[in-house]
Protein backbone atom coordinates (compact mmCIF):
# COMPACT_ATOMS: atom_id res chain seq x y z
CA MET A 1 183.14 132.79 81.74
CA GLY A 2 180.82 133.14 78.75
CA ILE A 3 178.08 135.63 78.14
CA ASN A 4 174.73 134.41 76.87
CA SER A 5 172.82 136.94 74.81
CA ILE A 6 169.63 136.51 72.84
CA ASP A 7 168.36 140.07 73.13
CA ASN A 8 171.31 141.99 71.70
CA ILE A 9 172.42 142.74 68.16
CA TYR A 10 176.02 142.39 67.05
CA VAL A 11 177.77 142.60 63.70
CA GLY A 12 179.85 139.51 62.90
CA GLN A 13 181.16 139.91 59.38
CA ASN A 14 182.79 136.47 59.28
CA LEU A 15 179.59 134.47 59.83
CA PRO A 16 179.56 131.61 57.28
CA GLU A 17 176.87 131.96 54.58
CA ALA A 18 175.17 128.70 55.67
CA TYR A 19 174.16 130.40 58.92
CA LYS A 20 172.89 133.67 57.38
CA VAL A 21 169.30 132.46 57.31
CA VAL A 22 166.47 134.46 58.85
CA GLY A 23 164.98 132.50 61.74
CA LYS A 24 167.88 130.01 62.00
CA LYS A 25 168.88 129.55 65.62
CA ILE A 26 172.61 129.34 66.18
CA ASN A 27 175.16 129.34 68.96
CA VAL A 28 178.30 131.38 68.42
CA SER A 29 181.53 131.92 70.31
CA VAL A 30 182.92 135.39 69.78
CA ARG A 31 185.60 137.81 70.83
CA GLY A 32 185.98 141.52 70.34
CA VAL A 33 187.59 142.69 67.12
CA ASN A 34 191.30 143.38 67.11
CA PRO A 35 191.79 147.10 66.36
CA ASN A 36 195.30 146.31 65.07
CA ASN A 37 193.99 143.92 62.39
CA GLU A 38 192.65 145.80 59.35
CA ASP A 39 190.71 142.70 58.21
CA GLU A 40 188.55 142.86 61.34
CA ILE A 41 187.77 146.58 61.35
CA GLN A 42 184.61 147.78 59.61
CA PRO A 43 184.03 151.41 58.70
CA CYS A 44 181.18 153.29 60.34
CA THR A 45 178.47 153.93 57.75
CA THR A 46 176.40 156.21 60.02
CA LEU A 47 173.32 154.99 58.14
CA GLY A 48 171.64 153.50 61.17
CA PRO A 49 172.12 152.48 64.76
CA GLY A 50 175.59 151.47 65.84
CA TYR A 51 176.04 147.81 66.70
CA ALA A 52 179.00 146.26 68.46
CA HIS A 53 181.33 144.37 66.13
CA VAL A 54 182.54 140.91 67.14
CA PHE A 55 184.81 138.30 65.56
CA ILE A 56 183.16 134.87 65.34
CA LEU A 57 185.36 132.04 66.61
CA SER A 58 182.90 129.16 66.09
CA VAL A 59 179.26 128.60 65.17
CA SER A 60 176.83 125.69 65.40
CA GLU A 61 173.14 125.22 64.71
CA ARG A 62 170.78 125.08 67.67
CA ASN A 63 167.82 122.71 67.84
């Protein structure tokens, strides 16, 4: 069962550069980060609000 979310903010550090465009509408499949994988863990900067971190499995452009 998938979760559809357009009103939430998540951090997905592995989003391909081609999709990092303000206003671009995309669909992504994600999973939670693996706390045992150092490549997926991001340090807390405490410089702003905390956002949930996710690992992007796939991404496609939406029309």
